[in-house]
Amino acid sequence: MPRAPWRRRRTTDSPRPAGRRWAGRLRRSSTFARQVLLVRVGRRDDDLHATDLAPTEHRYADRQRRRYGLDRLSRPAVNVGRAEIEAVMPVSPAMPPMVYADEASAGTIPLLPGERTIARRMKFGLVNACTLASLMLGMLAIFLAMQGEVRIAALCLIACVAFDGLDGALARRLGVASPFGAQMDSLADMCSFGLAAPVVVYASLAGSVSTAAAAVACALVAACAAIRLARFNVSPKDGRFFCGVPTTMAAAVLALTVAIGLPVPGAVLVAGVALLAFAMVSSFPYAKLARLVKLPPWLWLAPVIGALVDIRITFALIVVGYLVSGPVLWLRQRRTA
């Protein structure tokens, strides 16, 4: 017999045992989940009371208890602790542990570790002032390059390199090295050497090569500088060699190239800029400046004489020799291993 169109359809509230049973399970599970999620995570277990639940949750629990006669939805004080929360929300080994509000507030990391005296704060401010000076000089180099003053912009980049080496040396000498200073130095290096240096090089190549080729080469410098700085922050430090050409040295090479004006075609300059960018992210070992200073004095005689004869050619030969030294050292290490 067909059902009348005005006849009310059965719902979960209608007297159907299966519907009531499934609805009761869903509502009980959702109520418990609401109770768990409404717990204030930052409070202690013994401070959690029934007031932690909203009044609407209490009324809902009372209605379900009266309807289904369930004792577990009664109105005693709810005491759900961290163990219950973590049991409901299991954490896999790959996920980081839960950080509670009281633990996060108590575990703040100071900017200046150690004793915070006035003298140490002044030293800390001096070191960070050098870092900010490098950052500001990088911005000035960008503005000068936009106005066509590429030589002065290149000199600003050389000053950035000097301040970048000064802040690290002062931090170690004054004993105020900190994780904040390391991150600050990386951000300043990205601005001065990862952005300002490619902009200055792009401005210097304008008119001599195609715009697309110069843009691609300079974009490679910026991308490789970002990768290089990020890798340097998370990689173990080696006291003898760099893993790839450091960003500071690459920026110094680019700045000196623009400042002295190498007499080479524009296509060769673009290829050299791209090669220098890839050298920054390579795994070839490059000697640090401290090891280069310890070389025998007679080895420094040839560059000095070459600089007196022709500083441009001498500079180009030194740069090419340093770039080639990385693959040579890498091959030597593989043969001895």
Protein backbone atom coordinates (compact mmCIF):
# COMPACT_ATOMS: atom_id res chain seq x y z
CA MET A 1 0.00 0.00 0.00
CA PRO A 2 1.61 3.35 -0.96
CA ARG A 3 2.48 5.70 1.85
CA ALA A 4 0.47 8.89 2.10
CA PRO A 5 2.45 11.92 0.94
CA TRP A 6 1.64 13.80 4.16
CA ARG A 7 2.77 10.99 6.41
CA ARG A 8 5.80 11.83 8.53
CA ARG A 9 8.95 9.89 7.66
CA ARG A 10 10.86 7.97 10.26
CA THR A 11 13.90 9.73 11.73
CA THR A 12 16.47 8.85 14.33
CA ASP A 13 14.13 10.24 17.03
CA SER A 14 11.32 7.90 16.01
CA PRO A 15 10.87 4.64 17.98
CA ARG A 16 13.23 2.53 15.90
CA PRO A 17 15.67 0.55 18.07
CA ALA A 18 18.50 0.52 15.53
CA GLY A 19 18.18 4.25 14.86
CA ARG A 20 18.19 5.06 18.57
CA ARG A 21 21.16 2.80 19.17
CA TRP A 22 23.33 4.30 16.42
CA ALA A 23 22.26 7.84 17.29
CA GLY A 24 23.13 7.23 20.92
CA ARG A 25 26.61 6.01 20.03
CA LEU A 26 27.28 8.98 17.79
CA ARG A 27 26.03 11.47 20.33
CA ARG A 28 27.95 9.86 23.18
CA SER A 29 31.17 9.88 21.18
CA SER A 30 30.66 13.47 20.04
CA THR A 31 29.90 14.59 23.61
CA PHE A 32 33.08 13.00 24.94
CA ALA A 33 35.07 14.60 22.10
CA ARG A 34 33.56 17.96 22.97
CA GLN A 35 34.46 17.50 26.61
CA VAL A 36 38.04 16.68 25.68
CA LEU A 37 38.41 19.57 23.24
CA LEU A 38 36.89 22.10 25.65
CA VAL A 39 39.47 21.35 28.33
CA ARG A 40 41.87 24.18 28.96
CA VAL A 41 45.17 22.68 27.92
CA GLY A 42 47.38 25.01 29.94
CA ARG A 43 45.78 24.15 33.31
CA ARG A 44 46.83 21.39 35.66
CA ASP A 45 44.85 18.20 35.99
CA ASP A 46 43.67 18.98 39.51
CA ASP A 47 42.39 22.42 38.45
CA LEU A 48 39.90 21.12 35.88
CA HIS A 49 36.29 21.26 37.03
CA ALA A 50 32.88 21.01 35.51
CA THR A 51 32.94 24.74 34.82
CA ASP A 52 35.33 24.02 31.95
CA LEU A 53 32.35 22.84 29.93
CA ALA A 54 29.93 25.25 28.31
CA PRO A 55 26.35 25.38 29.76
CA THR A 56 24.99 24.09 26.46
CA GLU A 57 27.12 20.95 26.84
CA HIS A 58 25.67 20.33 30.31
CA ARG A 59 22.11 20.68 29.04
CA TYR A 60 22.86 18.37 26.13
CA ALA A 61 24.39 15.76 28.46
CA ASP A 62 21.39 15.93 30.82
CA ARG A 63 18.96 15.46 27.93
CA GLN A 64 20.87 12.44 26.65
CA ARG A 65 21.09 10.94 30.13
CA ARG A 66 17.38 11.28 30.71
CA ARG A 67 16.53 9.93 27.27
CA TYR A 68 18.79 6.90 27.24
CA GLY A 69 19.50 6.33 30.91
CA LEU A 70 23.25 6.53 30.55
CA ASP A 71 25.32 6.93 33.68
CA ARG A 72 28.47 8.05 31.89
CA LEU A 73 26.77 11.31 30.80
CA SER A 74 25.85 12.37 34.32
CA ARG A 75 26.91 15.71 35.82
CA PRO A 76 29.88 14.95 38.09
CA ALA A 77 32.98 17.09 37.75
CA VAL A 78 34.90 16.33 34.58
CA ASN A 79 38.59 15.66 35.22
CA VAL A 80 40.33 15.11 31.91
CA GLY A 81 44.10 15.46 32.08
CA ARG A 82 46.98 15.47 29.70
CA ALA A 83 47.14 11.69 29.64
CA GLU A 84 43.53 11.48 28.45
CA ILE A 85 44.07 14.19 25.85
CA GLU A 86 47.13 12.44 24.43
CA ALA A 87 45.26 9.12 24.52
CA VAL A 88 42.46 10.58 22.42
CA MET A 89 44.94 12.37 20.14
CA PRO A 90 47.82 9.90 19.70
CA VAL A 91 51.09 11.41 18.54
CA SER A 92 53.19 9.50 16.04
CA PRO A 93 56.99 9.35 16.44
CA ALA A 94 57.43 11.60 13.40
CA MET A 95 55.28 14.36 14.94
CA PRO A 96 56.78 16.81 17.45
CA PRO A 97 55.63 16.53 21.08
CA MET A 98 52.73 18.66 22.29
CA VAL A 99 53.78 22.01 23.75
CA TYR A 100 51.47 23.30 26.46
CA ALA A 101 50.86 26.93 27.24
CA ASP A 102 52.64 26.92 30.60
CA GLU A 103 55.68 25.14 29.12
CA ALA A 104 55.90 27.55 26.16
CA SER A 105 55.74 30.62 28.38
CA ALA A 106 58.38 29.24 30.73
CA GLY A 107 60.78 28.19 27.93
CA THR A 108 61.36 31.54 26.26
CA ILE A 109 64.85 31.92 24.80
CA PRO A 110 66.62 35.19 25.64
CA LEU A 111 68.25 37.14 22.83
CA LEU A 112 71.50 37.42 24.79
CA PRO A 113 72.43 34.20 26.64
CA GLY A 114 74.45 34.39 29.82
CA GLU A 115 74.87 37.28 32.21
CA ARG A 116 72.90 40.31 31.07
CA THR A 117 74.95 43.19 32.39
CA ILE A 118 75.03 46.68 30.92
CA ALA A 119 78.50 46.11 29.46
CA ARG A 120 77.46 42.87 27.71
CA ARG A 121 74.33 44.53 26.37
CA MET A 122 76.38 47.34 24.91
CA LYS A 123 78.71 44.82 23.27
CA PHE A 124 75.71 42.90 21.95
CA GLY A 125 74.27 46.12 20.53
CA LEU A 126 77.59 46.98 18.88
CA VAL A 127 77.77 43.61 17.12
CA ASN A 128 74.19 43.87 15.86
CA ALA A 129 74.85 47.44 14.76
CA CYS A 130 77.55 46.11 12.43
CA THR A 131 75.06 43.61 11.05
CA LEU A 132 72.47 46.33 10.49
CA ALA A 133 75.14 48.50 8.84
CA SER A 134 75.78 45.70 6.34
CA LEU A 135 72.04 45.49 5.70
CA MET A 136 71.68 49.25 5.18
CA LEU A 137 74.67 49.37 2.85
CA GLY A 138 73.09 46.61 0.79
CA MET A 139 69.90 48.64 0.48
CA LEU A 140 71.95 51.69 -0.49
CA ALA A 141 73.69 49.64 -3.17
CA ILE A 142 70.30 48.72 -4.65
CA PHE A 143 69.19 52.36 -4.72
CA LEU A 144 72.45 53.47 -6.34
CA ALA A 145 72.24 50.70 -8.94
CA MET A 146 68.71 51.80 -9.83
CA GLN A 147 70.06 55.31 -10.47
CA GLY A 148 72.89 54.02 -12.66
CA GLU A 149 75.74 54.50 -10.17
CA VAL A 150 77.01 50.94 -10.46
CA ARG A 151 80.61 51.64 -9.45
CA ILE A 152 79.59 53.35 -6.19
CA ALA A 153 77.05 50.55 -5.59
CA ALA A 154 79.83 47.99 -6.00
CA LEU A 155 81.92 49.85 -3.41
CA CYS A 156 78.95 49.71 -1.03
CA LEU A 157 78.87 45.94 -1.52
CA ILE A 158 82.56 45.74 -0.64
CA ALA A 159 81.78 47.68 2.54
CA CYS A 160 79.00 45.15 3.25
CA VAL A 161 81.58 42.36 3.04
CA ALA A 162 83.79 44.22 5.52
CA PHE A 163 80.97 44.74 8.05
CA ASP A 164 79.84 41.14 7.64
CA GLY A 165 83.28 39.88 8.62
CA LEU A 166 83.50 42.44 11.42
CA ASP A 167 80.33 41.47 13.25
CA GLY A 168 81.29 37.81 13.50
CA ALA A 169 84.80 38.62 14.66
CA LEU A 170 83.50 41.08 17.28
CA ALA A 171 80.88 38.60 18.53
CA ARG A 172 83.52 35.94 19.14
CA ARG A 173 86.04 38.40 20.56
CA LEU A 174 83.59 40.07 22.97
CA GLY A 175 81.88 36.81 23.95
CA VAL A 176 78.36 37.82 22.89
CA ALA A 177 77.73 35.24 20.16
CA SER A 178 74.11 34.08 20.21
CA PRO A 179 71.59 32.21 18.02
CA PHE A 180 69.78 35.50 17.48
CA GLY A 181 72.94 37.06 16.08
CA ALA A 182 73.48 34.10 13.77
CA GLN A 183 69.97 34.36 12.34
CA MET A 184 70.28 38.13 12.06
CA ASP A 185 73.53 37.74 10.14
CA SER A 186 71.93 35.27 7.72
CA LEU A 187 69.03 37.63 6.99
CA ALA A 188 71.39 40.56 6.43
CA ASP A 189 73.55 38.41 4.14
CA MET A 190 70.51 37.46 2.10
CA CYS A 191 69.63 41.11 1.61
CA SER A 192 73.15 42.37 0.94
CA PHE A 193 74.67 39.44 -0.95
CA GLY A 194 71.64 37.51 -2.20
CA LEU A 195 69.65 40.51 -3.48
CA ALA A 196 71.82 43.62 -3.67
CA ALA A 197 74.72 41.92 -5.45
CA PRO A 198 72.55 40.49 -8.29
CA VAL A 199 70.82 43.86 -8.72
CA VAL A 200 74.18 45.65 -9.04
CA VAL A 201 75.43 43.05 -11.52
CA TYR A 202 72.21 43.31 -13.53
CA ALA A 203 72.58 47.09 -13.70
CA SER A 204 76.19 46.74 -14.84
CA LEU A 205 75.26 44.29 -17.61
CA ALA A 206 72.53 46.51 -19.02
CA GLY A 207 73.24 47.26 -22.65
CA SER A 208 76.07 44.77 -23.11
CA VAL A 209 74.01 41.55 -23.11
CA SER A 210 70.38 40.65 -23.60
CA THR A 211 68.04 41.50 -20.76
CA ALA A 212 66.77 37.92 -20.45
CA ALA A 213 70.25 36.42 -20.12
CA ALA A 214 71.28 38.94 -17.47
CA ALA A 215 68.03 38.43 -15.57
CA VAL A 216 68.42 34.64 -15.55
CA ALA A 217 72.03 34.79 -14.37
CA CYS A 218 71.22 37.25 -11.58
CA ALA A 219 68.16 35.25 -10.51
CA LEU A 220 70.40 32.18 -10.22
CA VAL A 221 72.67 34.13 -7.88
CA ALA A 222 69.73 35.08 -5.64
CA ALA A 223 68.29 31.55 -5.56
CA CYS A 224 71.64 29.88 -4.91
CA ALA A 225 72.47 32.40 -2.19
CA ALA A 226 69.23 31.55 -0.36
CA ILE A 227 69.95 27.81 -0.63
CA ARG A 228 73.53 28.33 0.47
CA LEU A 229 72.58 30.36 3.58
CA ALA A 230 69.86 27.91 4.59
CA ARG A 231 72.20 24.96 4.19
CA PHE A 232 74.92 26.70 6.16
CA ASN A 233 72.58 27.23 9.13
CA VAL A 234 71.66 23.55 9.43
CA SER A 235 74.92 21.88 8.36
CA PRO A 236 77.80 20.91 10.68
CA LYS A 237 80.67 23.37 10.56
CA ASP A 238 84.12 22.44 9.25
CA GLY A 239 87.05 24.44 10.53
CA ARG A 240 89.18 23.92 7.42
CA PHE A 241 86.97 24.11 4.34
CA PHE A 242 83.72 25.60 3.11
CA CYS A 243 81.16 23.37 1.43
CA GLY A 244 80.77 25.42 -1.71
CA VAL A 245 81.80 29.01 -2.29
CA PRO A 246 80.59 31.19 0.60
CA THR A 247 77.99 33.83 -0.19
CA THR A 248 80.17 36.62 1.17
CA MET A 249 83.07 35.67 -1.09
CA ALA A 250 80.81 35.35 -4.13
CA ALA A 251 79.41 38.81 -3.49
CA ALA A 252 82.92 40.21 -3.08
CA VAL A 253 83.94 38.70 -6.41
CA LEU A 254 80.90 40.19 -8.15
CA ALA A 255 81.43 43.59 -6.54
CA LEU A 256 85.11 43.71 -7.48
CA THR A 257 84.27 42.61 -11.01
CA VAL A 258 81.90 45.55 -11.38
CA ALA A 259 84.22 47.99 -9.59
CA ILE A 260 87.34 47.34 -11.66
CA GLY A 261 85.49 46.63 -14.92
CA LEU A 262 86.95 43.45 -16.37
CA PRO A 263 87.71 43.81 -20.12
CA VAL A 264 85.79 40.71 -21.16
CA PRO A 265 82.71 40.31 -23.39
CA GLY A 266 79.28 40.45 -21.82
CA ALA A 267 78.49 36.84 -22.66
CA VAL A 268 81.59 35.71 -20.76
CA LEU A 269 80.51 37.78 -17.75
CA VAL A 270 77.04 36.20 -17.79
CA ALA A 271 78.55 32.73 -17.95
CA GLY A 272 80.90 33.59 -15.09
CA VAL A 273 78.02 34.86 -12.94
CA ALA A 274 76.04 31.66 -13.54
CA LEU A 275 79.11 29.52 -12.79
CA LEU A 276 79.67 31.40 -9.53
CA ALA A 277 76.04 30.86 -8.55
CA PHE A 278 76.30 27.09 -9.06
CA ALA A 279 79.61 27.04 -7.17
CA MET A 280 77.80 28.39 -4.09
CA VAL A 281 75.50 25.37 -3.87
CA SER A 282 78.09 22.79 -4.91
CA SER A 283 79.63 20.24 -2.55
CA PHE A 284 83.21 21.04 -3.49
CA PRO A 285 85.50 21.94 -0.56
CA TYR A 286 86.93 25.45 -0.70
CA ALA A 287 89.66 26.59 1.65
CA LYS A 288 88.81 29.22 4.23
CA LEU A 289 90.58 32.55 4.39
CA ALA A 290 92.45 31.53 7.54
CA ARG A 291 94.11 28.68 5.65
CA LEU A 292 94.92 30.91 2.70
CA VAL A 293 96.68 33.41 4.98
CA LYS A 294 98.90 30.63 6.32
CA LEU A 295 100.30 29.86 2.87
CA PRO A 296 104.05 30.43 2.34
CA PRO A 297 104.93 34.10 1.72
CA TRP A 298 106.53 33.35 -1.63
CA LEU A 299 103.15 32.24 -2.98
CA TRP A 300 101.78 35.72 -2.33
CA LEU A 301 104.59 37.31 -4.31
CA ALA A 302 103.13 36.36 -7.68
CA PRO A 303 99.70 38.02 -7.10
CA VAL A 304 101.37 41.18 -5.80
CA ILE A 305 103.60 41.48 -8.86
CA GLY A 306 100.66 40.68 -11.14
CA ALA A 307 98.55 43.39 -9.49
CA LEU A 308 101.26 45.92 -10.17
CA VAL A 309 101.37 44.91 -13.84
CA ASP A 310 97.61 44.51 -14.56
CA ILE A 311 95.19 44.27 -11.66
CA ARG A 312 92.26 43.16 -13.82
CA ILE A 313 93.94 40.13 -15.32
CA THR A 314 95.48 39.22 -11.97
CA PHE A 315 92.08 39.39 -10.27
CA ALA A 316 90.50 37.22 -12.96
CA LEU A 317 93.25 34.61 -12.62
CA ILE A 318 92.90 34.52 -8.83
CA VAL A 319 89.13 34.02 -9.06
CA VAL A 320 89.44 31.27 -11.66
CA GLY A 321 92.15 29.56 -9.61
CA TYR A 322 90.01 29.60 -6.48
CA LEU A 323 86.99 28.19 -8.31
CA VAL A 324 89.09 25.41 -9.81
CA SER A 325 90.62 24.56 -6.41
CA GLY A 326 87.30 23.12 -5.21
CA PRO A 327 87.01 20.32 -7.78
CA VAL A 328 90.74 19.61 -7.45
CA LEU A 329 90.48 19.16 -3.67
CA TRP A 330 87.37 17.03 -4.14
CA LEU A 331 89.15 14.68 -6.55
CA ARG A 332 92.12 14.48 -4.21
CA GLN A 333 89.91 13.52 -1.29
CA ARG A 334 88.20 10.81 -3.33
CA ARG A 335 91.53 9.30 -4.34
CA THR A 336 92.86 9.23 -0.77
CA ALA A 337 89.57 7.86 0.66
